[in-house]
Amino acid sequence: QVHLVESGGGLVQAGDSLRLSCTATGRTATGWFRQAPGKEREFVAAVAYSDSDKFYADSVKGRFTISRDNTKYTVYLQMNSLKSEDTAIYYCCADLSEDRLRIGKAAYWGQGTQVTVSS
């Protein structure tokens, strides 16, 4: 079993930055989804265990960066130039297959961390 715990969410103003962290046990691909109230869960970013094959949603490309430090069992999502549209609960997820993860079929999910961006 893979255990995931997210942290780093908070309340910020538009244009600010946040870095989310996800402790992720297991040799898995890891990524982030987000969900705003009344909306479907949306893919944000994903990275292979080897730190290759990174993918980003068009809405965050150029602003967000996913990375990982396997010595610390941690995956990061650096979020810059935050917009009000980024407000959502962000979920870390993991799977042996990065392809399954990117389509929302990851086997393991964290509890979520709230990101709120005010304008």
C-alpha atoms as a PDB file:
ATOM      1  CA  GLN A   1       0.000   0.000   0.000  1.00  0.00           C
ATOM      2  CA  VAL A   2       1.089   3.549  -0.796  1.00  0.00           C
ATOM      3  CA  HIS A   3       0.426   6.284   1.755  1.00  0.00           C
ATOM      4  CA  LEU A   4       0.060   9.908   0.635  1.00  0.00           C
ATOM      5  CA  VAL A   5      -0.143  13.068   2.742  1.00  0.00           C
ATOM      6  CA  GLU A   6      -0.412  16.566   1.239  1.00  0.00           C
ATOM      7  CA  SER A   7       0.555  19.835   2.888  1.00  0.00           C
ATOM      8  CA  GLY A   8       1.366  23.441   2.014  1.00  0.00           C
ATOM      9  CA  GLY A   9      -2.021  24.843   1.097  1.00  0.00           C
ATOM     10  CA  GLY A  10      -3.216  28.184   2.333  1.00  0.00           C
ATOM     11  CA  LEU A  11      -4.755  31.554   1.569  1.00  0.00           C
ATOM     12  CA  VAL A  12      -2.774  33.858  -0.722  1.00  0.00           C
ATOM     13  CA  GLN A  13      -3.346  36.793  -3.025  1.00  0.00           C
ATOM     14  CA  ALA A  14      -3.266  36.672  -6.801  1.00  0.00           C
ATOM     15  CA  GLY A  15       0.287  36.736  -8.081  1.00  0.00           C
ATOM     16  CA  ASP A  16       1.707  35.020  -5.006  1.00  0.00           C
ATOM     17  CA  SER A  17       3.341  31.610  -4.836  1.00  0.00           C
ATOM     18  CA  LEU A  18       2.821  28.426  -2.865  1.00  0.00           C
ATOM     19  CA  ARG A  19       4.631  25.132  -2.742  1.00  0.00           C
ATOM     20  CA  LEU A  20       2.635  22.021  -2.044  1.00  0.00           C
ATOM     21  CA  SER A  21       4.312  18.914  -0.695  1.00  0.00           C
ATOM     22  CA  CYS A  22       3.244  15.303  -0.841  1.00  0.00           C
ATOM     23  CA  THR A  23       4.927  12.565   1.099  1.00  0.00           C
ATOM     24  CA  ALA A  24       4.562   9.475  -1.043  1.00  0.00           C
ATOM     25  CA  THR A  25       5.830   6.081  -0.077  1.00  0.00           C
ATOM     26  CA  GLY A  26       6.438   3.548  -2.808  1.00  0.00           C
ATOM     27  CA  ARG A  27       8.203   3.554  -6.151  1.00  0.00           C
ATOM     28  CA  THR A  28       5.381   5.223  -8.073  1.00  0.00           C
ATOM     29  CA  ALA A  29       4.553   7.942 -10.509  1.00  0.00           C
ATOM     30  CA  THR A  30       2.988  10.833  -8.626  1.00  0.00           C
ATOM     31  CA  GLY A  31       0.797  13.747  -9.565  1.00  0.00           C
ATOM     32  CA  TRP A  32      -1.709  16.369  -8.586  1.00  0.00           C
ATOM     33  CA  PHE A  33      -5.389  16.872  -9.288  1.00  0.00           C
ATOM     34  CA  ARG A  34      -7.585  19.687  -8.060  1.00  0.00           C
ATOM     35  CA  GLN A  35     -11.281  20.140  -7.505  1.00  0.00           C
ATOM     36  CA  ALA A  36     -13.238  23.339  -7.000  1.00  0.00           C
ATOM     37  CA  PRO A  37     -16.733  23.328  -5.465  1.00  0.00           C
ATOM     38  CA  GLY A  38     -19.333  22.209  -7.974  1.00  0.00           C
ATOM     39  CA  LYS A  39     -16.747  21.217 -10.559  1.00  0.00           C
ATOM     40  CA  GLU A  40     -15.164  17.967 -11.676  1.00  0.00           C
ATOM     41  CA  ARG A  41     -11.752  16.914 -10.525  1.00  0.00           C
ATOM     42  CA  GLU A  42      -9.121  18.317 -12.896  1.00  0.00           C
ATOM     43  CA  PHE A  43      -5.668  17.048 -13.773  1.00  0.00           C
ATOM     44  CA  VAL A  44      -2.880  19.469 -12.838  1.00  0.00           C
ATOM     45  CA  ALA A  45       0.524  17.807 -13.178  1.00  0.00           C
ATOM     46  CA  ALA A  46       2.300  14.465 -13.028  1.00  0.00           C
ATOM     47  CA  VAL A  47       5.853  13.169 -12.842  1.00  0.00           C
ATOM     48  CA  ALA A  48       7.410   9.742 -13.204  1.00  0.00           C
ATOM     49  CA  TYR A  49       9.322   8.202 -10.331  1.00  0.00           C
ATOM     50  CA  SER A  50      12.558   8.898 -12.212  1.00  0.00           C
ATOM     51  CA  ASP A  51      11.625  12.624 -12.446  1.00  0.00           C
ATOM     52  CA  SER A  52      11.177  12.276 -16.209  1.00  0.00           C
ATOM     53  CA  ASP A  53       8.014  12.396 -18.331  1.00  0.00           C
ATOM     54  CA  LYS A  54       6.470  15.444 -16.709  1.00  0.00           C
ATOM     55  CA  PHE A  55       3.005  16.538 -17.789  1.00  0.00           C
ATOM     56  CA  TYR A  56       1.043  19.706 -17.095  1.00  0.00           C
ATOM     57  CA  ALA A  57      -2.462  20.903 -17.720  1.00  0.00           C
ATOM     58  CA  ASP A  58      -2.596  23.750 -20.209  1.00  0.00           C
ATOM     59  CA  SER A  59      -4.094  26.002 -17.551  1.00  0.00           C
ATOM     60  CA  VAL A  60      -0.997  25.766 -15.342  1.00  0.00           C
ATOM     61  CA  LYS A  61       1.825  25.208 -17.829  1.00  0.00           C
ATOM     62  CA  GLY A  62       4.522  27.829 -17.401  1.00  0.00           C
ATOM     63  CA  ARG A  63       3.344  28.710 -13.893  1.00  0.00           C
ATOM     64  CA  PHE A  64       3.475  25.411 -12.001  1.00  0.00           C
ATOM     65  CA  THR A  65       6.414  23.041 -11.689  1.00  0.00           C
ATOM     66  CA  ILE A  66       6.279  19.489 -10.399  1.00  0.00           C
ATOM     67  CA  SER A  67       9.392  17.878  -8.979  1.00  0.00           C
ATOM     68  CA  ARG A  68      10.411  15.206  -6.533  1.00  0.00           C
ATOM     69  CA  ASP A  69      13.099  14.265  -4.083  1.00  0.00           C
ATOM     70  CA  ASN A  70      13.003  10.528  -3.668  1.00  0.00           C
ATOM     71  CA  THR A  71      15.511  10.627  -0.814  1.00  0.00           C
ATOM     72  CA  LYS A  72      12.830  12.481   1.164  1.00  0.00           C
ATOM     73  CA  TYR A  73       9.876  10.530  -0.237  1.00  0.00           C
ATOM     74  CA  THR A  74       8.423  13.878  -1.295  1.00  0.00           C
ATOM     75  CA  VAL A  75       6.828  15.322  -4.422  1.00  0.00           C
ATOM     76  CA  TYR A  76       6.464  19.077  -4.788  1.00  0.00           C
ATOM     77  CA  LEU A  77       4.174  21.334  -6.744  1.00  0.00           C
ATOM     78  CA  GLN A  78       5.630  24.827  -7.006  1.00  0.00           C
ATOM     79  CA  MET A  79       2.822  27.199  -7.920  1.00  0.00           C
ATOM     80  CA  ASN A  80       3.780  30.669  -9.125  1.00  0.00           C
ATOM     81  CA  SER A  81       1.696  33.564 -10.412  1.00  0.00           C
ATOM     82  CA  LEU A  82      -1.376  32.160  -8.739  1.00  0.00           C
ATOM     83  CA  LYS A  83      -4.777  33.187 -10.029  1.00  0.00           C
ATOM     84  CA  SER A  84      -8.200  33.101  -8.451  1.00  0.00           C
ATOM     85  CA  GLU A  85      -9.033  30.303 -10.897  1.00  0.00           C
ATOM     86  CA  ASP A  86      -6.464  28.128  -9.120  1.00  0.00           C
ATOM     87  CA  THR A  87      -8.607  28.034  -5.987  1.00  0.00           C
ATOM     88  CA  ALA A  88      -9.426  24.404  -5.239  1.00  0.00           C
ATOM     89  CA  ILE A  89      -8.648  21.446  -3.074  1.00  0.00           C
ATOM     90  CA  TYR A  90      -5.453  19.900  -4.374  1.00  0.00           C
ATOM     91  CA  TYR A  91      -5.029  16.133  -4.170  1.00  0.00           C
ATOM     92  CA  CYS A  92      -1.840  14.171  -4.464  1.00  0.00           C
ATOM     93  CA  CYS A  93      -2.120  10.794  -6.153  1.00  0.00           C
ATOM     94  CA  ALA A  94       0.155   7.920  -7.088  1.00  0.00           C
ATOM     95  CA  ASP A  95       0.189   4.864  -9.313  1.00  0.00           C
ATOM     96  CA  LEU A  96       2.671   2.468 -10.842  1.00  0.00           C
ATOM     97  CA  SER A  97       1.497   3.771 -14.226  1.00  0.00           C
ATOM     98  CA  GLU A  98       1.860   7.455 -15.056  1.00  0.00           C
ATOM     99  CA  ASP A  99      -0.637   6.953 -17.893  1.00  0.00           C
ATOM    100  CA  ARG A 100      -3.331   5.693 -15.525  1.00  0.00           C
ATOM    101  CA  LEU A 101      -2.582   8.517 -13.135  1.00  0.00           C
ATOM    102  CA  ARG A 102      -3.002  11.252 -15.741  1.00  0.00           C
ATOM    103  CA  ILE A 103      -6.496  10.087 -16.686  1.00  0.00           C
ATOM    104  CA  GLY A 104      -7.667  10.093 -13.090  1.00  0.00           C
ATOM    105  CA  LYS A 105      -7.332   6.366 -12.430  1.00  0.00           C
ATOM    106  CA  ALA A 106      -4.541   6.472  -9.871  1.00  0.00           C
ATOM    107  CA  ALA A 107      -4.713   3.732  -7.295  1.00  0.00           C
ATOM    108  CA  TYR A 108      -3.783   5.935  -4.343  1.00  0.00           C
ATOM    109  CA  TRP A 109      -5.019   9.362  -3.260  1.00  0.00           C
ATOM    110  CA  GLY A 110      -4.238  11.758  -0.464  1.00  0.00           C
ATOM    111  CA  GLN A 111      -6.745  13.642   1.663  1.00  0.00           C
ATOM    112  CA  GLY A 112      -6.327  16.992  -0.100  1.00  0.00           C
ATOM    113  CA  THR A 113      -5.068  20.438   0.872  1.00  0.00           C
ATOM    114  CA  GLN A 114      -6.993  23.673   0.330  1.00  0.00           C
ATOM    115  CA  VAL A 115      -5.546  26.424  -1.850  1.00  0.00           C
ATOM    116  CA  THR A 116      -7.425  29.718  -1.881  1.00  0.00           C
ATOM    117  CA  VAL A 117      -6.332  32.629  -4.061  1.00  0.00           C
ATOM    118  CA  SER A 118      -7.960  36.006  -3.519  1.00  0.00           C
ATOM    119  CA  SER A 119      -7.875  38.880  -5.978  1.00  0.00           C
END
